[in-house]
N, C-alpha and C. Protein backbone atom coordinates (compact mmCIF):
# COMPACT_ATOMS: atom_id res chain seq x y z
N MET A 1 82.65 -20.91 2.24
CA MET A 1 81.56 -20.08 2.73
C MET A 1 80.23 -20.53 2.14
N VAL A 2 80.18 -20.70 0.81
CA VAL A 2 78.95 -21.12 0.14
C VAL A 2 78.54 -22.51 0.62
N THR A 3 79.51 -23.37 0.82
CA THR A 3 79.22 -24.72 1.30
C THR A 3 78.58 -24.69 2.68
N ARG A 4 79.09 -23.83 3.56
CA ARG A 4 78.52 -23.72 4.90
C ARG A 4 77.10 -23.20 4.86
N ILE A 5 76.84 -22.25 3.98
CA ILE A 5 75.48 -21.70 3.84
C ILE A 5 74.54 -22.79 3.35
N ARG A 6 74.98 -23.55 2.36
CA ARG A 6 74.14 -24.64 1.84
C ARG A 6 73.86 -25.69 2.92
N GLN A 7 74.86 -26.02 3.68
CA GLN A 7 74.68 -27.00 4.75
C GLN A 7 73.70 -26.47 5.81
N ALA A 8 73.86 -25.21 6.17
CA ALA A 8 72.96 -24.62 7.16
C ALA A 8 71.53 -24.59 6.62
N TRP A 9 71.38 -24.23 5.35
CA TRP A 9 70.04 -24.20 4.75
C TRP A 9 69.45 -25.62 4.72
N SER A 10 70.24 -26.60 4.37
CA SER A 10 69.76 -27.98 4.32
C SER A 10 69.28 -28.45 5.69
N ARG A 11 70.04 -28.12 6.72
CA ARG A 11 69.61 -28.48 8.07
C ARG A 11 68.30 -27.78 8.43
N PHE A 12 68.23 -26.49 8.13
CA PHE A 12 67.02 -25.72 8.41
C PHE A 12 65.83 -26.31 7.66
N ALA A 13 65.99 -26.60 6.37
CA ALA A 13 64.90 -27.13 5.55
C ALA A 13 64.47 -28.50 6.04
N GLU A 14 65.40 -29.28 6.54
CA GLU A 14 65.06 -30.61 7.05
C GLU A 14 64.30 -30.50 8.38
N ASN A 15 64.71 -29.58 9.24
CA ASN A 15 64.08 -29.42 10.55
C ASN A 15 62.75 -28.67 10.48
N ARG A 16 62.63 -27.76 9.55
CA ARG A 16 61.43 -26.92 9.42
C ARG A 16 61.02 -26.82 7.95
N PRO A 17 60.52 -27.91 7.38
CA PRO A 17 60.23 -27.91 5.94
C PRO A 17 59.18 -26.88 5.51
N ALA A 18 58.13 -26.72 6.29
CA ALA A 18 57.08 -25.76 5.90
C ALA A 18 57.61 -24.33 5.94
N THR A 19 58.41 -24.01 6.96
CA THR A 19 58.98 -22.67 7.06
C THR A 19 59.97 -22.44 5.93
N ALA A 20 60.77 -23.44 5.61
CA ALA A 20 61.73 -23.31 4.50
C ALA A 20 60.99 -23.12 3.18
N GLN A 21 59.90 -23.84 2.99
CA GLN A 21 59.10 -23.69 1.78
C GLN A 21 58.52 -22.28 1.69
N PHE A 22 58.05 -21.76 2.81
CA PHE A 22 57.53 -20.39 2.83
C PHE A 22 58.62 -19.38 2.50
N VAL A 23 59.81 -19.56 3.05
CA VAL A 23 60.92 -18.64 2.79
C VAL A 23 61.26 -18.65 1.30
N VAL A 24 61.32 -19.83 0.69
CA VAL A 24 61.61 -19.92 -0.75
C VAL A 24 60.50 -19.25 -1.55
N PHE A 25 59.24 -19.54 -1.19
CA PHE A 25 58.10 -18.92 -1.86
C PHE A 25 58.19 -17.39 -1.76
N PHE A 26 58.46 -16.91 -0.57
CA PHE A 26 58.56 -15.47 -0.31
C PHE A 26 59.68 -14.84 -1.14
N LEU A 27 60.85 -15.45 -1.15
CA LEU A 27 61.99 -14.90 -1.89
C LEU A 27 61.73 -14.91 -3.40
N LEU A 28 61.19 -16.01 -3.91
CA LEU A 28 60.90 -16.06 -5.35
C LEU A 28 59.82 -15.05 -5.73
N SER A 29 58.80 -14.94 -4.92
CA SER A 29 57.72 -13.98 -5.21
C SER A 29 58.25 -12.55 -5.23
N ASN A 30 59.08 -12.22 -4.26
CA ASN A 30 59.66 -10.88 -4.22
C ASN A 30 60.65 -10.67 -5.35
N GLY A 31 61.34 -11.73 -5.74
CA GLY A 31 62.22 -11.64 -6.91
C GLY A 31 61.43 -11.31 -8.17
N MET A 32 60.24 -11.89 -8.29
CA MET A 32 59.39 -11.59 -9.45
C MET A 32 58.89 -10.15 -9.40
N THR A 33 58.65 -9.65 -8.21
CA THR A 33 58.25 -8.25 -8.07
C THR A 33 59.38 -7.34 -8.51
N VAL A 34 60.60 -7.65 -8.12
CA VAL A 34 61.76 -6.87 -8.55
C VAL A 34 61.91 -6.94 -10.07
N LEU A 35 61.72 -8.12 -10.64
CA LEU A 35 61.78 -8.26 -12.10
C LEU A 35 60.74 -7.36 -12.76
N GLN A 36 59.52 -7.36 -12.23
CA GLN A 36 58.47 -6.50 -12.79
C GLN A 36 58.84 -5.02 -12.67
N LEU A 37 59.39 -4.63 -11.53
CA LEU A 37 59.79 -3.24 -11.33
C LEU A 37 60.90 -2.82 -12.30
N ALA A 38 61.75 -3.76 -12.67
CA ALA A 38 62.83 -3.46 -13.63
C ALA A 38 62.32 -3.51 -15.06
N LEU A 39 61.45 -4.46 -15.36
CA LEU A 39 61.00 -4.68 -16.73
C LEU A 39 59.94 -3.67 -17.18
N MET A 40 59.06 -3.28 -16.28
CA MET A 40 57.95 -2.40 -16.65
C MET A 40 58.41 -1.08 -17.28
N PRO A 41 59.35 -0.35 -16.68
CA PRO A 41 59.78 0.90 -17.32
C PRO A 41 60.42 0.68 -18.70
N VAL A 42 61.12 -0.43 -18.85
CA VAL A 42 61.74 -0.74 -20.14
C VAL A 42 60.67 -0.97 -21.20
N LEU A 43 59.69 -1.81 -20.88
CA LEU A 43 58.62 -2.07 -21.85
C LEU A 43 57.76 -0.83 -22.09
N LYS A 44 57.52 -0.06 -21.05
CA LYS A 44 56.76 1.20 -21.20
C LYS A 44 57.49 2.12 -22.16
N TRP A 45 58.79 2.21 -22.02
CA TRP A 45 59.60 3.05 -22.90
C TRP A 45 59.57 2.52 -24.34
N LEU A 46 59.75 1.19 -24.50
CA LEU A 46 59.74 0.61 -25.85
C LEU A 46 58.39 0.78 -26.53
N PHE A 47 57.31 0.40 -25.85
CA PHE A 47 55.98 0.56 -26.44
C PHE A 47 55.63 2.04 -26.62
N GLY A 48 56.17 2.89 -25.77
CA GLY A 48 55.90 4.32 -25.84
C GLY A 48 56.48 4.97 -27.09
N MET A 49 57.40 4.29 -27.75
CA MET A 49 57.97 4.82 -28.99
C MET A 49 57.12 4.43 -30.21
N THR A 50 56.03 3.74 -29.99
CA THR A 50 55.16 3.32 -31.10
C THR A 50 53.90 4.19 -31.13
N SER A 51 53.16 4.03 -32.19
CA SER A 51 51.89 4.78 -32.31
C SER A 51 50.82 4.22 -31.37
N LEU A 52 51.10 3.08 -30.75
CA LEU A 52 50.12 2.49 -29.82
C LEU A 52 49.84 3.40 -28.64
N VAL A 53 50.78 4.29 -28.32
CA VAL A 53 50.58 5.21 -27.20
C VAL A 53 49.43 6.18 -27.50
N ASP A 54 49.15 6.39 -28.78
CA ASP A 54 48.08 7.30 -29.18
C ASP A 54 46.78 6.57 -29.50
N THR A 55 46.72 5.29 -29.14
CA THR A 55 45.52 4.49 -29.37
C THR A 55 44.81 4.25 -28.04
N THR A 56 43.63 4.82 -27.89
CA THR A 56 42.85 4.61 -26.67
C THR A 56 42.48 3.14 -26.57
N PHE A 57 42.60 2.59 -25.38
CA PHE A 57 42.19 1.20 -25.15
C PHE A 57 41.17 1.19 -24.01
N GLN A 58 39.92 0.96 -24.39
CA GLN A 58 38.84 0.87 -23.42
C GLN A 58 38.09 -0.42 -23.67
N LEU A 59 37.94 -1.20 -22.60
CA LEU A 59 37.31 -2.51 -22.75
C LEU A 59 36.36 -2.76 -21.59
N TRP A 60 35.20 -3.26 -21.90
CA TRP A 60 34.18 -3.69 -20.95
C TRP A 60 33.63 -2.54 -20.11
N SER A 61 32.72 -1.82 -20.69
CA SER A 61 32.03 -0.75 -19.97
C SER A 61 31.05 -1.39 -18.98
N VAL A 62 31.24 -1.07 -17.70
CA VAL A 62 30.36 -1.58 -16.65
C VAL A 62 29.97 -0.42 -15.74
N GLY A 63 28.80 0.09 -15.94
CA GLY A 63 28.34 1.19 -15.09
C GLY A 63 28.95 2.50 -15.50
N SER A 64 28.98 3.43 -14.53
CA SER A 64 29.51 4.75 -14.83
C SER A 64 30.29 5.31 -13.65
N ASN A 65 31.15 6.25 -13.96
CA ASN A 65 31.93 6.95 -12.94
C ASN A 65 31.02 7.92 -12.20
N THR A 66 31.52 8.51 -11.14
CA THR A 66 30.72 9.45 -10.35
C THR A 66 30.29 10.66 -11.16
N ASP A 67 31.04 11.00 -12.22
CA ASP A 67 30.67 12.14 -13.06
C ASP A 67 29.71 11.75 -14.19
N GLY A 68 29.30 10.49 -14.23
CA GLY A 68 28.35 10.03 -15.24
C GLY A 68 28.98 9.43 -16.48
N SER A 69 30.28 9.57 -16.66
CA SER A 69 30.96 8.99 -17.82
C SER A 69 31.03 7.48 -17.65
N PRO A 70 31.13 6.75 -18.76
CA PRO A 70 31.17 5.29 -18.65
C PRO A 70 32.43 4.81 -17.92
N TYR A 71 32.27 3.77 -17.13
CA TYR A 71 33.41 3.16 -16.43
C TYR A 71 33.82 1.91 -17.20
N TYR A 72 35.10 1.83 -17.56
CA TYR A 72 35.63 0.67 -18.27
C TYR A 72 36.54 -0.11 -17.33
N VAL A 73 36.44 -1.44 -17.40
CA VAL A 73 37.32 -2.28 -16.59
C VAL A 73 38.77 -1.98 -16.97
N PHE A 74 39.04 -1.92 -18.27
CA PHE A 74 40.36 -1.52 -18.76
C PHE A 74 40.17 -0.18 -19.46
N ASP A 75 40.81 0.86 -18.95
CA ASP A 75 40.62 2.20 -19.48
C ASP A 75 41.96 2.91 -19.57
N TYR A 76 42.53 2.89 -20.76
CA TYR A 76 43.82 3.52 -21.00
C TYR A 76 43.64 4.56 -22.09
N ALA A 77 43.48 5.81 -21.67
CA ALA A 77 43.28 6.92 -22.61
C ALA A 77 44.53 7.10 -23.47
N ALA A 78 44.32 7.61 -24.67
CA ALA A 78 45.43 7.88 -25.58
C ALA A 78 46.32 8.96 -25.01
N GLY A 79 47.57 8.94 -25.41
CA GLY A 79 48.53 9.96 -25.01
C GLY A 79 49.51 9.45 -23.98
N PRO A 80 50.73 9.97 -24.04
CA PRO A 80 51.76 9.51 -23.10
C PRO A 80 51.45 9.93 -21.67
N LEU A 81 51.90 9.12 -20.73
CA LEU A 81 51.79 9.46 -19.32
C LEU A 81 52.72 10.62 -19.02
N PRO A 82 52.47 11.49 -18.10
CA PRO A 82 51.42 11.44 -17.11
C PRO A 82 50.14 12.15 -17.53
N HIS A 83 50.14 12.85 -18.66
CA HIS A 83 48.95 13.63 -19.02
C HIS A 83 47.89 12.77 -19.68
N GLY A 84 48.30 11.74 -20.42
CA GLY A 84 47.37 10.80 -21.01
C GLY A 84 47.33 9.54 -20.16
N GLY A 85 46.71 8.51 -20.69
CA GLY A 85 46.64 7.24 -19.96
C GLY A 85 47.60 6.19 -20.48
N GLY A 86 48.44 6.56 -21.45
CA GLY A 86 49.42 5.62 -22.00
C GLY A 86 48.90 4.82 -23.16
N GLY A 87 47.57 4.83 -23.35
CA GLY A 87 46.97 4.13 -24.47
C GLY A 87 47.23 2.63 -24.47
N LEU A 88 47.07 2.05 -25.64
CA LEU A 88 47.29 0.61 -25.81
C LEU A 88 48.74 0.23 -25.49
N ALA A 89 49.67 1.17 -25.70
CA ALA A 89 51.08 0.90 -25.40
C ALA A 89 51.28 0.59 -23.91
N TYR A 90 50.67 1.38 -23.05
CA TYR A 90 50.83 1.16 -21.61
C TYR A 90 50.13 -0.13 -21.17
N PHE A 91 48.92 -0.38 -21.71
CA PHE A 91 48.22 -1.61 -21.40
C PHE A 91 49.10 -2.82 -21.77
N LEU A 92 49.67 -2.81 -22.96
CA LEU A 92 50.53 -3.93 -23.39
C LEU A 92 51.79 -4.04 -22.54
N ALA A 93 52.38 -2.91 -22.17
CA ALA A 93 53.57 -2.95 -21.31
C ALA A 93 53.25 -3.61 -19.98
N VAL A 94 52.10 -3.25 -19.40
CA VAL A 94 51.68 -3.84 -18.14
C VAL A 94 51.45 -5.34 -18.30
N GLN A 95 50.68 -5.71 -19.31
CA GLN A 95 50.30 -7.12 -19.48
C GLN A 95 51.48 -8.00 -19.89
N VAL A 96 52.38 -7.51 -20.74
CA VAL A 96 53.55 -8.30 -21.13
C VAL A 96 54.48 -8.47 -19.93
N THR A 97 54.64 -7.41 -19.13
CA THR A 97 55.45 -7.52 -17.91
C THR A 97 54.87 -8.58 -16.98
N LEU A 98 53.58 -8.53 -16.76
CA LEU A 98 52.93 -9.52 -15.89
C LEU A 98 53.05 -10.93 -16.46
N LEU A 99 52.86 -11.06 -17.76
CA LEU A 99 52.95 -12.37 -18.39
C LEU A 99 54.34 -12.98 -18.20
N ILE A 100 55.37 -12.21 -18.49
CA ILE A 100 56.74 -12.71 -18.33
C ILE A 100 57.00 -13.12 -16.89
N ALA A 101 56.66 -12.26 -15.95
CA ALA A 101 56.91 -12.55 -14.54
C ALA A 101 56.11 -13.77 -14.08
N GLN A 102 54.86 -13.89 -14.52
CA GLN A 102 54.03 -15.01 -14.07
C GLN A 102 54.45 -16.35 -14.68
N VAL A 103 54.91 -16.33 -15.92
CA VAL A 103 55.41 -17.58 -16.52
C VAL A 103 56.65 -18.06 -15.76
N ILE A 104 57.58 -17.15 -15.51
CA ILE A 104 58.78 -17.51 -14.75
C ILE A 104 58.39 -17.96 -13.35
N ASN A 105 57.51 -17.21 -12.70
CA ASN A 105 57.07 -17.55 -11.34
C ASN A 105 56.41 -18.92 -11.29
N PHE A 106 55.57 -19.22 -12.29
CA PHE A 106 54.89 -20.52 -12.32
C PHE A 106 55.90 -21.66 -12.27
N PHE A 107 56.89 -21.61 -13.16
CA PHE A 107 57.85 -22.71 -13.22
C PHE A 107 58.76 -22.76 -11.99
N LEU A 108 59.20 -21.60 -11.51
CA LEU A 108 60.05 -21.59 -10.32
C LEU A 108 59.31 -22.10 -9.09
N GLN A 109 58.11 -21.59 -8.87
CA GLN A 109 57.35 -22.03 -7.69
C GLN A 109 57.02 -23.51 -7.80
N ARG A 110 56.60 -23.94 -8.98
CA ARG A 110 56.21 -25.34 -9.18
C ARG A 110 57.39 -26.28 -8.95
N ASN A 111 58.53 -25.94 -9.56
CA ASN A 111 59.67 -26.86 -9.54
C ASN A 111 60.60 -26.67 -8.34
N VAL A 112 60.78 -25.43 -7.90
CA VAL A 112 61.74 -25.16 -6.83
C VAL A 112 61.05 -25.17 -5.47
N THR A 113 60.00 -24.36 -5.31
CA THR A 113 59.36 -24.22 -4.01
C THR A 113 58.61 -25.48 -3.62
N PHE A 114 57.72 -25.91 -4.51
CA PHE A 114 56.81 -27.01 -4.15
C PHE A 114 57.24 -28.37 -4.68
N LYS A 115 58.27 -28.38 -5.56
CA LYS A 115 58.80 -29.63 -6.11
C LYS A 115 57.68 -30.55 -6.59
N SER A 116 56.78 -29.97 -7.35
CA SER A 116 55.58 -30.67 -7.80
C SER A 116 55.89 -31.62 -8.95
N ASN A 117 55.21 -32.75 -8.94
CA ASN A 117 55.30 -33.69 -10.06
C ASN A 117 53.91 -33.94 -10.64
N SER A 118 52.99 -33.03 -10.36
CA SER A 118 51.62 -33.15 -10.89
C SER A 118 51.63 -32.79 -12.38
N SER A 119 50.49 -32.94 -13.00
CA SER A 119 50.33 -32.62 -14.41
C SER A 119 50.62 -31.14 -14.66
N ILE A 120 51.61 -30.86 -15.49
CA ILE A 120 51.96 -29.46 -15.76
C ILE A 120 50.83 -28.77 -16.52
N GLY A 121 50.15 -29.49 -17.40
CA GLY A 121 49.05 -28.91 -18.16
C GLY A 121 47.90 -28.49 -17.25
N LYS A 122 47.53 -29.37 -16.34
CA LYS A 122 46.44 -29.06 -15.40
C LYS A 122 46.82 -27.90 -14.48
N ALA A 123 48.05 -27.92 -13.98
CA ALA A 123 48.52 -26.84 -13.11
C ALA A 123 48.56 -25.51 -13.86
N ALA A 124 49.06 -25.54 -15.10
CA ALA A 124 49.14 -24.31 -15.90
C ALA A 124 47.74 -23.79 -16.20
N PHE A 125 46.79 -24.68 -16.49
CA PHE A 125 45.42 -24.26 -16.76
C PHE A 125 44.85 -23.49 -15.58
N TRP A 126 44.98 -24.05 -14.37
CA TRP A 126 44.43 -23.38 -13.19
C TRP A 126 45.19 -22.11 -12.85
N TYR A 127 46.47 -22.07 -13.15
CA TYR A 127 47.26 -20.86 -12.94
C TYR A 127 46.76 -19.75 -13.85
N VAL A 128 46.48 -20.09 -15.12
CA VAL A 128 45.97 -19.11 -16.09
C VAL A 128 44.58 -18.63 -15.66
N VAL A 129 43.73 -19.56 -15.22
CA VAL A 129 42.39 -19.17 -14.75
C VAL A 129 42.51 -18.18 -13.59
N ALA A 130 43.38 -18.48 -12.63
CA ALA A 130 43.57 -17.58 -11.49
C ALA A 130 44.14 -16.24 -11.94
N TYR A 131 45.09 -16.27 -12.86
CA TYR A 131 45.69 -15.04 -13.37
C TYR A 131 44.64 -14.14 -14.02
N ILE A 132 43.78 -14.73 -14.84
CA ILE A 132 42.72 -13.96 -15.51
C ILE A 132 41.73 -13.39 -14.48
N ALA A 133 41.32 -14.22 -13.54
CA ALA A 133 40.36 -13.77 -12.52
C ALA A 133 40.94 -12.64 -11.68
N ILE A 134 42.18 -12.77 -11.28
CA ILE A 134 42.82 -11.74 -10.46
C ILE A 134 43.02 -10.46 -11.27
N THR A 135 43.44 -10.58 -12.52
CA THR A 135 43.65 -9.41 -13.37
C THR A 135 42.34 -8.65 -13.58
N LEU A 136 41.27 -9.38 -13.91
CA LEU A 136 39.97 -8.74 -14.11
C LEU A 136 39.44 -8.13 -12.82
N GLY A 137 39.56 -8.87 -11.73
CA GLY A 137 39.09 -8.35 -10.44
C GLY A 137 39.83 -7.10 -10.02
N ALA A 138 41.15 -7.10 -10.17
CA ALA A 138 41.95 -5.93 -9.79
C ALA A 138 41.64 -4.73 -10.68
N ALA A 139 41.46 -4.97 -11.97
CA ALA A 139 41.13 -3.87 -12.89
C ALA A 139 39.76 -3.29 -12.57
N ALA A 140 38.79 -4.15 -12.31
CA ALA A 140 37.44 -3.68 -12.00
C ALA A 140 37.40 -2.94 -10.67
N ALA A 141 38.18 -3.39 -9.70
CA ALA A 141 38.17 -2.78 -8.37
C ALA A 141 38.73 -1.36 -8.36
N GLN A 142 39.54 -1.01 -9.36
CA GLN A 142 40.10 0.34 -9.41
C GLN A 142 39.02 1.41 -9.38
N GLY A 143 37.87 1.09 -9.96
CA GLY A 143 36.78 2.06 -9.98
C GLY A 143 36.27 2.39 -8.59
N LEU A 144 36.49 1.49 -7.64
CA LEU A 144 36.02 1.72 -6.28
C LEU A 144 36.99 2.54 -5.44
N TYR A 145 38.28 2.39 -5.70
CA TYR A 145 39.23 3.03 -4.80
C TYR A 145 40.11 4.11 -5.41
N LYS A 146 40.26 4.17 -6.72
CA LYS A 146 41.23 5.10 -7.31
C LYS A 146 40.90 6.57 -7.02
N ALA A 147 39.70 7.00 -7.33
CA ALA A 147 39.35 8.41 -7.12
C ALA A 147 39.45 8.82 -5.65
N PRO A 148 38.90 8.04 -4.70
CA PRO A 148 39.03 8.45 -3.29
C PRO A 148 40.48 8.48 -2.81
N VAL A 149 41.31 7.56 -3.27
CA VAL A 149 42.71 7.55 -2.86
C VAL A 149 43.43 8.76 -3.45
N TYR A 150 43.20 9.04 -4.73
CA TYR A 150 43.80 10.22 -5.35
C TYR A 150 43.38 11.48 -4.62
N ASP A 151 42.09 11.59 -4.32
CA ASP A 151 41.60 12.77 -3.60
C ASP A 151 42.29 12.92 -2.25
N LEU A 152 42.42 11.82 -1.52
CA LEU A 152 43.07 11.87 -0.22
C LEU A 152 44.51 12.35 -0.33
N PHE A 153 45.30 11.71 -1.19
CA PHE A 153 46.71 12.04 -1.28
C PHE A 153 46.98 13.38 -1.95
N ILE A 154 46.21 13.70 -2.99
CA ILE A 154 46.51 14.90 -3.77
C ILE A 154 45.78 16.12 -3.24
N GLU A 155 44.47 15.99 -3.04
CA GLU A 155 43.69 17.15 -2.61
C GLU A 155 43.81 17.39 -1.10
N THR A 156 43.59 16.35 -0.31
CA THR A 156 43.58 16.52 1.15
C THR A 156 44.98 16.70 1.71
N TRP A 157 45.91 15.84 1.31
CA TRP A 157 47.26 15.89 1.85
C TRP A 157 48.23 16.69 1.00
N GLY A 158 47.81 17.12 -0.20
CA GLY A 158 48.65 17.95 -1.07
C GLY A 158 49.94 17.30 -1.52
N LEU A 159 49.88 16.01 -1.82
CA LEU A 159 51.11 15.28 -2.18
C LEU A 159 51.31 15.15 -3.68
N GLY A 160 51.17 16.20 -4.43
CA GLY A 160 51.48 16.17 -5.86
C GLY A 160 50.24 16.25 -6.71
N GLY A 161 50.46 16.59 -7.96
CA GLY A 161 49.33 16.77 -8.86
C GLY A 161 49.37 15.92 -10.10
N THR A 162 50.45 15.18 -10.35
CA THR A 162 50.55 14.38 -11.56
C THR A 162 49.41 13.39 -11.65
N GLY A 163 49.14 12.69 -10.59
CA GLY A 163 48.06 11.71 -10.59
C GLY A 163 46.71 12.34 -10.85
N ARG A 164 46.46 13.51 -10.30
CA ARG A 164 45.18 14.19 -10.50
C ARG A 164 45.01 14.54 -11.97
N ARG A 165 46.06 15.06 -12.61
CA ARG A 165 45.96 15.40 -14.03
C ARG A 165 45.64 14.14 -14.82
N TRP A 166 46.29 13.01 -14.47
CA TRP A 166 46.08 11.76 -15.17
C TRP A 166 44.64 11.27 -14.96
N LEU A 167 44.17 11.34 -13.73
CA LEU A 167 42.82 10.86 -13.44
C LEU A 167 41.78 11.70 -14.16
N THR A 168 41.91 13.00 -14.14
CA THR A 168 40.90 13.84 -14.78
C THR A 168 40.98 13.74 -16.29
N SER A 169 42.15 13.41 -16.86
CA SER A 169 42.24 13.25 -18.31
C SER A 169 41.55 11.97 -18.76
N ARG A 170 41.33 11.05 -17.85
CA ARG A 170 40.71 9.77 -18.19
C ARG A 170 39.19 9.85 -18.06
N ARG A 171 38.66 10.89 -17.51
CA ARG A 171 37.20 10.98 -17.32
C ARG A 171 36.56 11.58 -18.52
């Protein structure tokens, strides 16, 4: 059975190399998402048992929120979730989870999907640059969409209050 699947995949990859490459990319990327979904709660739990959960982590104040309070690109209020922001413990759980998934993803995509033989140092450098830019951009963009999305789902549609408590505790 496995041999037939491999043969069928080989024929498919030979006849449609770009589509096969996309399928591998898609499967590996989604595998990394599953890894993150499994790893994040574990790391959140582990870091949550430390005093780091009670350490506020605020970095890079840029402008202000609609209520006039400072807006931080990274803003993790002290205290356990859902009433606090998870503090430095939650920030580290998020970043360590992303780091592990991205390191694995880098090597799998490079070696399996794209079968690259380019300079690993140069490729890793640009991967890190992209990772930092995307992380900073995504963190900064939260200030634009988080409050309106929370208002829509919680206030307008009445879909729970945990997020609202968390959002207001961070202001």
